[in-house]
Amino acid sequence: MKNKFLLSGVLFLGLMVGCQESDLDKLNPNGVTVDTFYKNGAELSSAVNAVYAMAKANTLTSREWFFLHDLRSDDVAAGGGQLETPRNQILIGSYTTDNGVASGVWQGFYRLIHRANVVLDLSEKVTDIPAADKARLLAEARFLRAWSYFDLVTMWGGVPLYKNYVTSVEGSLPRSTEKEVYDFIIADLKAAAEALPATYNADNLGRATKGAAQMLLARVYLQQADYTNAKVELQKVITSGTYSLVDEFSDNFIEETEFNKESIFEINFFPAGGNYNWDADGNGATAGTETVRTQEYSAIGWRNVIPSNGLLNEFEKGDPRFAKSFYVTGDKYNLDKNVLTDAAQNGNSSVVDGKTMKVSWRKFSLMYKTDQTFLTGGINQRIMRYAETLLAMAEVENEIGSITEAVKYLNMVRARKSVAMPAYPTAAYPVGTKDQVFAAIMHERRVELSGEQIRNRDILRWRKAGKLKTEPFTYFQKNKHELLPIPQQEVDNNPKIEPTDQNPGY
């Protein structure tokens, strides 16, 4: 069921961090400003909706966000020469400080943070709604701010930490340390979890929940190899009784089964109607109503990226998740009315088990019910789901608990009715030692969560912890490719950041 709460309140609130100084002197006397807004609860709710709207902007989850994560992982390869240069640069590790995709995501997250800060700083003016409702709205803003900072700190390291909204370049900040950013994220998420509800009614699906804050907090702890605190948060999610695996794996990636029992947090888009908004700011009547992902990745779309050979060959023979994650030539699509051909798939082929074939992404593709070759769509972007919770618990149990318990959680994911893979141990994956269990965890996370913008962070944290036996990227240079470069526009426009503050290697 699609809800429309996020269509209201798509407002540009205040001035953007990093604006040119000349822009800061301009004020529309007829426009809504922070001084005339926030008179009542309805306006506060509208402002929070505007924070969600920014999360769906072209620079974030409707386009550039999933590209940046996937291209920084080893889940994808170029679909062909049609992959634009800025994206290919990220894929092959030749990006520089002016890469448009990375800069766009950076800018998008800071716009979101700015909107959240406006909400949190000016909410004291609102006194006409119940205290619990106000606390919940502020908790939603904290959650979205924490989510933004988590992506920023994992990809860029220490970043400017804006805890309040700014109105001029004099309010610009230098880079904070990674620890300072992580500590702020943790504080935001703990506060958010206290005030967020476990569930919402049908009209408010897509808002942040208590479980979403707890699961994101578990991700934060995992990224820092803090397995003890990660386990505490994961246990809260597991024992809440709110979530469970759905029987059909594919239900996590199509329109008709959004907001199911496995979903912990997802970004809400709307059914295809040709209303994709290319505006990076998340503004306008159609801002964020659709995502372009189905067009970018689909076999009969642009097919800009395809699953990498490494990912395809990671799947065990007979694993049903292969066919549920990818299309191959000969597969049926469009409600089984069409058969996929080589000619219909633009670009490169893959090699699977020594055989050359064309393989394309099925996850988040509308091809299961259409044969249109240009299509933006409304499949929600799942950010966190319960299968990840179970696999994360397997990892923390393996690190600080019992390998028997770790294997139990792995097997829960494999036992899903539509998957029903043999339980560990298997011939390929014995689980008699901690190292063997970790190998099974790495395998299971990769095949279960492929193409879900998780692999990038897994590689980052496992590399940092010295857990990668082999480096996934041939281009990788130590003390350079661990982090993205701070965007050149930030270095140029932020008076508190000097060229010497740039990340190593750039």
Protein backbone atom coordinates (compact mmCIF):
# COMPACT_ATOMS: atom_id res chain seq x y z
CA MET A 1 0.00 0.00 0.00
CA LYS A 2 1.38 3.39 -0.99
CA ASN A 3 0.92 6.29 1.41
CA LYS A 4 1.19 9.97 0.61
CA PHE A 5 2.37 11.61 3.81
CA LEU A 6 5.72 12.45 2.26
CA LEU A 7 4.20 14.45 -0.56
CA SER A 8 3.25 17.25 1.80
CA GLY A 9 5.69 19.76 3.19
CA VAL A 10 8.34 19.49 0.49
CA LEU A 11 9.85 22.80 1.49
CA PHE A 12 13.23 24.43 1.30
CA LEU A 13 13.76 25.47 4.90
CA GLY A 14 16.45 28.06 5.49
CA LEU A 15 19.75 28.51 3.72
CA MET A 16 21.90 25.65 2.53
CA VAL A 17 25.24 24.79 4.06
CA GLY A 18 27.98 25.76 1.61
CA CYS A 19 25.99 28.43 -0.30
CA GLN A 20 27.91 31.20 -1.95
CA GLU A 21 28.12 34.30 0.29
CA SER A 22 26.32 36.45 -2.28
CA ASP A 23 23.32 34.13 -2.13
CA LEU A 24 23.02 34.65 1.60
CA ASP A 25 22.15 38.32 1.14
CA LYS A 26 19.05 37.51 -0.91
CA LEU A 27 15.68 37.11 0.82
CA ASN A 28 12.31 36.78 -0.83
CA PRO A 29 9.96 39.02 1.18
CA ASN A 30 6.99 36.89 0.09
CA GLY A 31 8.63 33.57 0.89
CA VAL A 32 8.32 31.31 3.89
CA THR A 33 11.26 31.67 6.28
CA VAL A 34 12.21 30.04 9.53
CA ASP A 35 10.99 33.16 11.33
CA THR A 36 7.45 32.87 9.96
CA PHE A 37 7.22 29.06 9.97
CA TYR A 38 6.83 26.66 12.93
CA LYS A 39 3.73 28.24 14.39
CA ASN A 40 1.95 24.93 15.02
CA GLY A 41 2.16 21.16 14.96
CA ALA A 42 0.99 20.89 11.37
CA GLU A 43 3.93 22.99 10.21
CA LEU A 44 6.35 20.96 12.31
CA SER A 45 5.01 17.76 10.75
CA SER A 46 5.33 19.31 7.29
CA ALA A 47 8.93 20.25 8.01
CA VAL A 48 9.79 16.70 9.07
CA ASN A 49 8.19 15.44 5.86
CA ALA A 50 10.56 17.77 4.00
CA VAL A 51 13.49 15.96 5.62
CA TYR A 52 12.15 12.64 4.29
CA ALA A 53 11.65 14.27 0.88
CA MET A 54 15.33 15.18 0.76
CA ALA A 55 16.23 11.54 1.42
CA LYS A 56 14.44 10.75 -1.85
CA ALA A 57 16.18 13.40 -3.94
CA ASN A 58 18.08 12.60 -7.13
CA THR A 59 21.39 12.96 -5.27
CA LEU A 60 20.29 10.43 -2.67
CA THR A 61 18.15 7.28 -2.72
CA SER A 62 16.35 7.81 -6.00
CA ARG A 63 19.64 7.70 -7.90
CA GLU A 64 23.16 8.73 -6.86
CA TRP A 65 23.14 7.09 -3.42
CA PHE A 66 22.70 3.53 -4.68
CA PHE A 67 25.20 4.14 -7.46
CA LEU A 68 27.89 5.38 -5.08
CA HIS A 69 27.51 2.44 -2.71
CA ASP A 70 27.35 -0.19 -5.45
CA LEU A 71 30.22 1.21 -7.49
CA ARG A 72 32.36 1.29 -4.35
CA SER A 73 31.60 -2.39 -3.79
CA ASP A 74 32.57 -5.47 -5.78
CA ASP A 75 28.93 -6.36 -6.43
CA VAL A 76 28.77 -4.63 -9.82
CA ALA A 77 30.58 -4.30 -13.13
CA ALA A 78 30.08 -1.90 -16.03
CA GLY A 79 27.10 -2.80 -18.16
CA GLY A 80 29.02 -1.44 -21.14
CA GLY A 81 30.29 1.78 -22.66
CA GLN A 82 27.02 3.43 -21.71
CA LEU A 83 28.19 3.80 -18.10
CA GLU A 84 28.87 7.51 -17.68
CA THR A 85 32.44 8.63 -16.96
CA PRO A 86 31.91 9.85 -13.36
CA ARG A 87 30.36 6.49 -12.44
CA ASN A 88 33.03 4.49 -14.22
CA GLN A 89 35.70 6.48 -12.38
CA ILE A 90 34.29 5.27 -9.07
CA LEU A 91 34.04 1.70 -10.35
CA ILE A 92 37.71 1.57 -11.39
CA GLY A 93 39.09 3.72 -8.57
CA SER A 94 40.20 6.67 -10.72
CA TYR A 95 37.88 9.23 -9.13
CA THR A 96 39.17 12.64 -8.10
CA THR A 97 37.97 15.44 -5.85
CA ASP A 98 35.55 16.73 -8.50
CA ASN A 99 33.66 13.47 -9.12
CA GLY A 100 30.04 14.47 -9.64
CA VAL A 101 28.45 11.36 -8.17
CA ALA A 102 30.38 11.51 -4.88
CA SER A 103 29.96 15.28 -4.64
CA GLY A 104 26.24 14.97 -5.26
CA VAL A 105 25.77 12.47 -2.45
CA TRP A 106 27.84 14.61 -0.07
CA GLN A 107 25.74 17.65 -0.92
CA GLY A 108 22.49 15.68 -0.66
CA PHE A 109 23.26 14.43 2.82
CA TYR A 110 24.22 17.88 4.06
CA ARG A 111 21.00 19.30 2.66
CA LEU A 112 19.13 16.62 4.57
CA ILE A 113 21.12 17.35 7.73
CA HIS A 114 20.37 21.05 7.33
CA ARG A 115 16.64 20.39 7.12
CA ALA A 116 16.77 18.13 10.15
CA ASN A 117 18.72 20.74 12.11
CA VAL A 118 16.15 23.42 11.30
CA VAL A 119 13.42 21.14 12.64
CA LEU A 120 15.30 20.33 15.83
CA ASP A 121 16.47 23.88 16.52
CA LEU A 122 13.16 25.66 15.97
CA SER A 123 10.71 23.10 17.31
CA GLU A 124 10.49 24.83 20.69
CA LYS A 125 8.09 27.32 19.09
CA VAL A 126 5.51 24.56 18.63
CA THR A 127 3.35 24.03 21.70
CA ASP A 128 -0.05 23.04 20.33
CA ILE A 129 0.52 19.27 19.91
CA PRO A 130 0.80 16.48 22.49
CA ALA A 131 4.29 16.10 23.92
CA ALA A 132 4.55 12.49 22.70
CA ASP A 133 3.69 13.51 19.12
CA LYS A 134 6.27 16.27 19.17
CA ALA A 135 8.89 13.95 20.63
CA ARG A 136 8.19 11.43 17.89
CA LEU A 137 8.58 14.01 15.12
CA LEU A 138 11.89 15.19 16.56
CA ALA A 139 13.04 11.59 16.87
CA GLU A 140 12.33 11.05 13.18
CA ALA A 141 14.51 14.07 12.35
CA ARG A 142 17.28 12.71 14.61
CA PHE A 143 17.10 9.30 12.93
CA LEU A 144 17.42 10.78 9.45
CA ARG A 145 20.27 13.03 10.54
CA ALA A 146 22.07 10.05 12.08
CA TRP A 147 21.55 7.97 8.93
CA SER A 148 23.09 10.80 6.90
CA TYR A 149 26.10 11.19 9.14
CA PHE A 150 26.65 7.43 9.19
CA ASP A 151 26.94 7.31 5.40
CA LEU A 152 29.19 10.35 5.42
CA VAL A 153 31.58 9.09 8.09
CA THR A 154 31.86 5.60 6.61
CA MET A 155 32.66 6.90 3.13
CA TRP A 156 34.62 10.08 3.91
CA GLY A 157 35.91 9.64 7.46
CA GLY A 158 35.75 12.68 9.73
CA VAL A 159 33.43 15.31 8.28
CA PRO A 160 32.08 18.72 9.34
CA LEU A 161 29.65 18.00 12.17
CA TYR A 162 26.74 20.43 12.05
CA LYS A 163 24.64 19.98 15.18
CA ASN A 164 22.61 23.12 14.49
CA TYR A 165 21.42 24.85 11.36
CA VAL A 166 23.54 27.63 9.93
CA THR A 167 22.54 30.81 8.17
CA SER A 168 25.83 32.12 6.78
CA VAL A 169 29.26 30.98 5.69
CA GLU A 170 30.53 32.21 9.07
CA GLY A 171 28.80 29.16 10.49
CA SER A 172 30.91 26.76 8.44
CA LEU A 173 32.78 24.14 10.42
CA PRO A 174 36.07 22.26 10.03
CA ARG A 175 36.25 18.48 9.87
CA SER A 176 35.50 16.66 13.09
CA THR A 177 37.22 13.39 13.93
CA GLU A 178 35.63 10.06 13.08
CA LYS A 179 35.11 9.41 16.78
CA GLU A 180 33.31 12.71 17.27
CA VAL A 181 30.98 11.96 14.36
CA TYR A 182 30.30 8.42 15.55
CA ASP A 183 29.63 9.61 19.10
CA PHE A 184 27.11 12.14 17.78
CA ILE A 185 25.39 9.49 15.64
CA ILE A 186 25.12 7.15 18.62
CA ALA A 187 23.62 9.87 20.80
CA ASP A 188 21.08 10.78 18.11
CA LEU A 189 20.02 7.17 17.61
CA LYS A 190 19.70 6.44 21.31
CA ALA A 191 17.49 9.49 21.73
CA ALA A 192 15.47 8.58 18.64
CA ALA A 193 14.89 5.01 19.80
CA GLU A 194 13.41 6.27 23.06
CA ALA A 195 10.69 8.27 21.33
CA LEU A 196 9.93 6.32 18.16
CA PRO A 197 7.02 3.85 18.02
CA ALA A 198 7.46 0.21 17.06
CA THR A 199 4.96 0.50 14.18
CA TYR A 200 2.67 2.97 12.40
CA ASN A 201 -0.78 2.81 10.88
CA ALA A 202 -1.20 2.37 7.12
CA ASP A 203 -1.25 6.13 6.48
CA ASN A 204 2.21 6.62 7.96
CA LEU A 205 4.22 3.67 6.68
CA GLY A 206 7.75 4.70 5.79
CA ARG A 207 8.42 6.75 8.90
CA ALA A 208 11.33 5.78 11.11
CA THR A 209 10.53 3.29 13.87
CA LYS A 210 12.16 2.19 17.10
CA GLY A 211 13.46 -0.93 15.35
CA ALA A 212 14.97 1.18 12.56
CA ALA A 213 16.89 3.28 15.09
CA GLN A 214 18.09 0.16 16.91
CA MET A 215 19.17 -1.60 13.71
CA LEU A 216 20.99 1.48 12.44
CA LEU A 217 22.71 1.77 15.81
CA ALA A 218 23.78 -1.88 15.47
CA ARG A 219 25.25 -1.03 12.06
CA VAL A 220 27.15 1.87 13.61
CA TYR A 221 28.64 -0.36 16.29
CA LEU A 222 29.52 -3.07 13.76
CA GLN A 223 31.31 -0.51 11.61
CA GLN A 224 33.51 0.26 14.61
CA ALA A 225 33.99 -3.45 15.45
CA ASP A 226 32.14 -2.87 18.73
CA TYR A 227 30.50 -6.29 18.76
CA THR A 228 29.32 -6.11 22.36
CA ASN A 229 27.15 -3.03 21.87
CA ALA A 230 26.05 -4.22 18.43
CA LYS A 231 24.73 -7.41 20.01
CA VAL A 232 22.68 -5.43 22.54
CA GLU A 233 20.90 -3.51 19.78
CA LEU A 234 20.42 -6.57 17.57
CA GLN A 235 18.85 -8.45 20.46
CA LYS A 236 16.34 -5.64 20.90
CA VAL A 237 15.29 -5.95 17.26
CA ILE A 238 15.11 -9.74 17.37
CA THR A 239 13.20 -10.01 20.65
CA SER A 240 10.75 -7.21 19.82
CA GLY A 241 8.54 -9.62 17.88
CA THR A 242 7.97 -6.92 15.26
CA TYR A 243 9.97 -8.53 12.46
CA SER A 244 10.33 -11.90 10.76
CA LEU A 245 11.57 -13.31 7.46
CA VAL A 246 8.94 -13.41 4.74
CA ASP A 247 8.50 -16.74 3.00
CA GLU A 248 9.23 -15.39 -0.47
CA PHE A 249 12.68 -13.81 -0.87
CA SER A 250 11.55 -11.76 -3.88
CA ASP A 251 8.88 -10.01 -1.82
CA ASN A 252 11.61 -7.75 -0.49
CA PHE A 253 12.21 -6.13 -3.88
CA ILE A 254 8.83 -5.59 -5.59
CA GLU A 255 6.01 -3.07 -5.23
CA GLU A 256 3.14 -5.27 -4.14
CA THR A 257 4.82 -6.49 -0.94
CA GLU A 258 6.38 -3.31 0.44
CA PHE A 259 6.38 -2.68 4.20
CA ASN A 260 6.22 -6.41 4.91
CA LYS A 261 7.27 -8.09 8.16
CA GLU A 262 10.89 -8.25 7.04
CA SER A 263 11.17 -4.53 6.36
CA ILE A 264 12.86 -2.49 9.08
CA PHE A 265 13.22 0.76 7.14
CA GLU A 266 12.49 1.63 3.54
CA ILE A 267 12.24 4.81 1.49
CA ASN A 268 8.78 5.20 0.00
CA PHE A 269 8.37 5.82 -3.74
CA PHE A 270 5.22 5.83 -5.85
CA PRO A 271 4.02 3.74 -8.80
CA ALA A 272 5.44 4.56 -12.22
CA GLY A 273 3.83 7.49 -13.94
CA GLY A 274 6.61 9.36 -15.69
CA ASN A 275 7.09 11.74 -12.78
CA TYR A 276 10.74 11.19 -12.02
CA ASN A 277 12.22 14.46 -10.78
CA TRP A 278 15.84 15.04 -11.77
CA ASP A 279 16.14 17.95 -9.33
CA ALA A 280 19.00 17.30 -6.94
CA ASP A 281 17.44 19.41 -4.18
CA GLY A 282 14.41 17.28 -3.46
CA ASN A 283 12.09 20.19 -4.19
CA GLY A 284 8.96 20.56 -6.26
CA ALA A 285 5.60 18.84 -6.49
CA THR A 286 7.00 15.57 -7.85
CA ALA A 287 10.26 15.53 -5.87
CA GLY A 288 11.10 12.01 -4.84
CA THR A 289 7.85 10.45 -6.00
CA GLU A 290 9.69 7.95 -8.18
CA THR A 291 13.10 6.32 -8.42
CA VAL A 292 15.17 5.85 -11.57
CA ARG A 293 16.80 2.65 -10.32
CA THR A 294 14.70 0.30 -12.44
CA GLN A 295 15.77 2.21 -15.55
CA GLU A 296 19.45 2.38 -14.60
CA TYR A 297 19.88 -1.32 -13.74
CA SER A 298 17.22 -3.30 -15.62
CA ALA A 299 18.08 -5.74 -18.40
CA ILE A 300 15.85 -3.92 -20.91
CA GLY A 301 16.63 -0.46 -19.52
CA TRP A 302 19.92 1.38 -19.68
CA ARG A 303 21.68 -1.54 -17.96
CA ASN A 304 24.42 0.81 -16.78
CA VAL A 305 25.72 -1.70 -14.26
CA ILE A 306 25.46 -5.48 -14.13
CA PRO A 307 26.33 -7.97 -11.38
CA SER A 308 30.06 -8.64 -11.23
CA ASN A 309 31.49 -12.03 -12.15
CA GLY A 310 32.78 -12.33 -8.60
CA LEU A 311 29.31 -11.92 -7.18
CA LEU A 312 27.68 -14.27 -9.69
CA ASN A 313 30.17 -17.02 -8.96
CA GLU A 314 29.79 -16.56 -5.20
CA PHE A 315 26.39 -18.26 -5.32
CA GLU A 316 26.32 -21.97 -4.54
CA LYS A 317 24.89 -24.15 -7.27
CA GLY A 318 21.19 -24.56 -6.76
CA ASP A 319 20.77 -21.46 -4.60
CA PRO A 320 17.32 -20.10 -5.56
CA ARG A 321 18.47 -16.59 -4.66
CA PHE A 322 20.50 -16.48 -7.87
CA ALA A 323 17.40 -16.61 -10.08
CA LYS A 324 15.54 -14.29 -7.69
CA SER A 325 18.33 -11.69 -7.80
CA PHE A 326 19.27 -11.75 -11.51
CA TYR A 327 17.81 -12.15 -14.98
CA VAL A 328 19.63 -14.29 -17.54
CA THR A 329 18.93 -14.74 -21.21
CA GLY A 330 15.92 -16.99 -21.66
CA ASP A 331 14.14 -15.89 -18.49
CA LYS A 332 10.51 -14.83 -18.70
CA TYR A 333 9.44 -11.37 -17.62
CA ASN A 334 6.44 -9.01 -17.90
CA LEU A 335 4.15 -11.45 -16.07
CA ASP A 336 5.76 -14.26 -18.11
CA LYS A 337 4.55 -12.75 -21.39
CA ASN A 338 8.04 -12.05 -22.74
CA VAL A 339 11.29 -14.01 -23.00
CA LEU A 340 14.53 -12.15 -22.40
CA THR A 341 16.98 -12.25 -25.31
CA ASP A 342 20.64 -11.30 -25.65
CA ALA A 343 19.69 -8.57 -28.08
CA ALA A 344 17.35 -6.94 -25.59
CA GLN A 345 20.18 -6.53 -23.06
CA ASN A 346 22.42 -3.61 -23.87
CA GLY A 347 26.16 -4.06 -23.33
CA ASN A 348 28.48 -6.56 -21.71
CA SER A 349 28.27 -10.28 -20.95
CA SER A 350 29.27 -12.12 -17.78
CA VAL A 351 31.09 -15.39 -17.12
CA VAL A 352 29.31 -17.78 -14.76
CA ASP A 353 30.81 -21.19 -14.00
CA GLY A 354 32.98 -20.78 -17.10
CA LYS A 355 30.05 -19.96 -19.38
CA THR A 356 29.66 -16.62 -21.12
CA MET A 357 26.13 -15.23 -20.82
CA LYS A 358 24.26 -12.00 -20.32
CA VAL A 359 23.14 -11.46 -16.74
CA SER A 360 21.26 -8.42 -15.39
CA TRP A 361 19.85 -7.26 -12.07
CA ARG A 362 16.38 -8.47 -11.09
CA LYS A 363 16.27 -6.93 -7.61
CA PHE A 364 14.31 -3.66 -7.60
CA SER A 365 13.46 -4.02 -11.32
CA LEU A 366 9.93 -3.51 -12.61
CA MET A 367 10.55 -6.00 -15.41
CA TYR A 368 8.59 -8.65 -13.55
CA LYS A 369 5.42 -6.85 -14.66
CA THR A 370 6.36 -4.66 -17.64
CA ASP A 371 8.18 -4.70 -20.97
CA GLN A 372 8.72 -0.94 -21.21
CA THR A 373 12.31 -0.08 -22.09
CA PHE A 374 12.24 3.35 -20.48
CA LEU A 375 10.66 3.36 -17.08
CA THR A 376 11.09 5.18 -13.81
CA GLY A 377 9.26 3.53 -11.00
CA GLY A 378 7.92 3.24 -7.52
CA ILE A 379 9.63 0.23 -5.97
CA ASN A 380 10.56 1.30 -2.46
CA GLN A 381 14.26 1.39 -1.62
CA ARG A 382 14.70 -1.07 1.23
CA ILE A 383 17.39 0.32 3.51
CA MET A 384 17.34 -2.30 6.28
CA ARG A 385 15.61 -5.66 6.52
CA TYR A 386 15.45 -8.43 9.10
CA ALA A 387 17.67 -10.87 7.21
CA GLU A 388 20.53 -8.42 7.75
CA THR A 389 19.73 -8.39 11.47
CA LEU A 390 20.09 -12.17 11.68
CA LEU A 391 23.31 -12.19 9.69
CA ALA A 392 24.72 -9.39 11.84
CA MET A 393 23.84 -11.38 14.96
CA ALA A 394 25.67 -14.36 13.47
CA GLU A 395 28.73 -12.17 13.10
CA VAL A 396 28.69 -10.79 16.65
CA GLU A 397 28.08 -14.26 18.10
CA ASN A 398 31.05 -15.53 16.15
CA GLU A 399 33.23 -12.69 17.45
CA ILE A 400 32.27 -12.61 21.13
CA GLY A 401 29.87 -15.45 21.78
CA SER A 402 29.36 -18.95 20.46
CA ILE A 403 30.06 -20.26 16.97
CA THR A 404 27.15 -22.65 17.47
CA GLU A 405 24.83 -19.68 17.98
CA ALA A 406 26.38 -17.94 14.99
CA VAL A 407 25.64 -20.92 12.74
CA LYS A 408 22.07 -21.01 14.06
CA TYR A 409 21.44 -17.49 12.83
CA LEU A 410 23.04 -18.22 9.46
CA ASN A 411 20.80 -21.23 9.01
CA MET A 412 17.70 -19.23 9.87
CA VAL A 413 18.32 -17.12 6.77
CA ARG A 414 19.05 -20.15 4.58
CA ALA A 415 15.90 -21.90 5.80
CA ARG A 416 13.52 -19.32 4.31
CA LYS A 417 10.82 -21.33 2.50
CA SER A 418 11.61 -19.97 -0.95
CA VAL A 419 15.34 -20.49 -0.41
CA ALA A 420 15.65 -23.72 1.62
CA MET A 421 19.40 -24.08 1.16
CA PRO A 422 21.16 -26.92 2.99
CA ALA A 423 22.07 -25.96 6.54
CA TYR A 424 25.66 -25.25 7.48
CA PRO A 425 28.03 -27.05 7.62
CA THR A 426 28.26 -27.83 3.92
CA ALA A 427 31.09 -29.28 1.86
CA ALA A 428 32.04 -25.80 0.65
CA TYR A 429 31.55 -24.13 4.02
CA PRO A 430 32.59 -26.14 7.09
CA VAL A 431 31.87 -24.27 10.32
CA GLY A 432 34.05 -25.97 12.92
CA THR A 433 36.21 -22.95 13.73
CA LYS A 434 35.73 -19.21 14.14
CA ASP A 435 37.54 -18.53 10.86
CA GLN A 436 35.38 -21.05 9.00
CA VAL A 437 32.21 -19.51 10.41
CA PHE A 438 33.41 -16.06 9.39
CA ALA A 439 33.95 -17.30 5.83
CA ALA A 440 30.36 -18.57 5.84
CA ILE A 441 29.16 -15.21 7.18
CA MET A 442 30.98 -13.32 4.43
CA HIS A 443 29.47 -15.65 1.83
CA GLU A 444 25.95 -15.49 3.23
CA ARG A 445 25.93 -11.72 3.55
CA ARG A 446 27.14 -11.32 0.00
CA VAL A 447 24.57 -13.57 -1.66
CA GLU A 448 21.63 -12.62 0.57
CA LEU A 449 22.21 -8.85 0.54
CA SER A 450 23.70 -8.37 -2.93
CA GLY A 451 22.85 -5.09 -4.60
CA GLU A 452 21.39 -3.65 -1.39
CA GLN A 453 24.12 -1.07 -0.72
CA ILE A 454 25.62 -3.05 2.15
CA ARG A 455 28.66 -4.73 0.62
CA ASN A 456 30.60 -1.45 0.40
CA ARG A 457 30.47 -0.93 4.16
CA ASP A 458 31.24 -4.59 4.81
CA ILE A 459 34.44 -4.32 2.79
CA LEU A 460 35.41 -1.09 4.56
CA ARG A 461 35.00 -2.48 8.07
CA TRP A 462 36.48 -5.91 7.34
CA ARG A 463 39.48 -4.33 5.62
CA LYS A 464 40.03 -2.01 8.59
CA ALA A 465 39.80 -4.95 11.00
CA GLY A 466 42.26 -7.01 8.94
CA LYS A 467 39.67 -9.67 8.16
CA LEU A 468 39.98 -9.68 4.37
CA LYS A 469 42.26 -12.49 3.20
CA THR A 470 42.44 -10.92 -0.25
CA GLU A 471 41.81 -7.34 -1.34
CA PRO A 472 38.63 -7.20 -3.49
CA PHE A 473 39.89 -4.42 -5.78
CA THR A 474 42.89 -4.57 -8.10
CA TYR A 475 43.06 -0.76 -8.12
CA PHE A 476 43.25 -0.44 -4.34
CA GLN A 477 46.05 1.75 -2.98
CA LYS A 478 46.60 1.76 0.77
CA ASN A 479 46.18 5.17 2.40
CA LYS A 480 44.06 6.38 -0.48
CA HIS A 481 41.12 4.22 -1.49
CA GLU A 482 39.88 3.54 2.03
CA LEU A 483 38.03 6.85 1.85
CA LEU A 484 36.53 9.10 -0.79
CA PRO A 485 38.07 12.53 -1.29
CA ILE A 486 36.38 15.51 0.31
CA PRO A 487 34.57 17.17 -2.64
CA GLN A 488 36.53 20.03 -4.16
CA GLN A 489 33.51 22.31 -3.92
CA GLU A 490 33.54 21.81 -0.13
CA VAL A 491 37.25 22.63 0.07
CA ASP A 492 36.70 25.72 -2.10
CA ASN A 493 33.56 27.02 -0.36
CA ASN A 494 34.14 26.10 3.27
CA PRO A 495 36.60 28.58 4.81
CA LYS A 496 37.28 26.16 7.68
CA ILE A 497 38.63 23.41 5.40
CA GLU A 498 42.08 23.80 3.90
CA PRO A 499 43.58 21.76 1.03
CA THR A 500 45.78 20.11 3.66
CA ASP A 501 42.63 18.75 5.33
CA GLN A 502 41.96 16.55 2.30
CA ASN A 503 41.91 12.77 2.73
CA PRO A 504 45.22 10.95 2.00
CA GLY A 505 46.07 10.28 -1.64
CA TYR A 506 44.10 13.16 -3.15
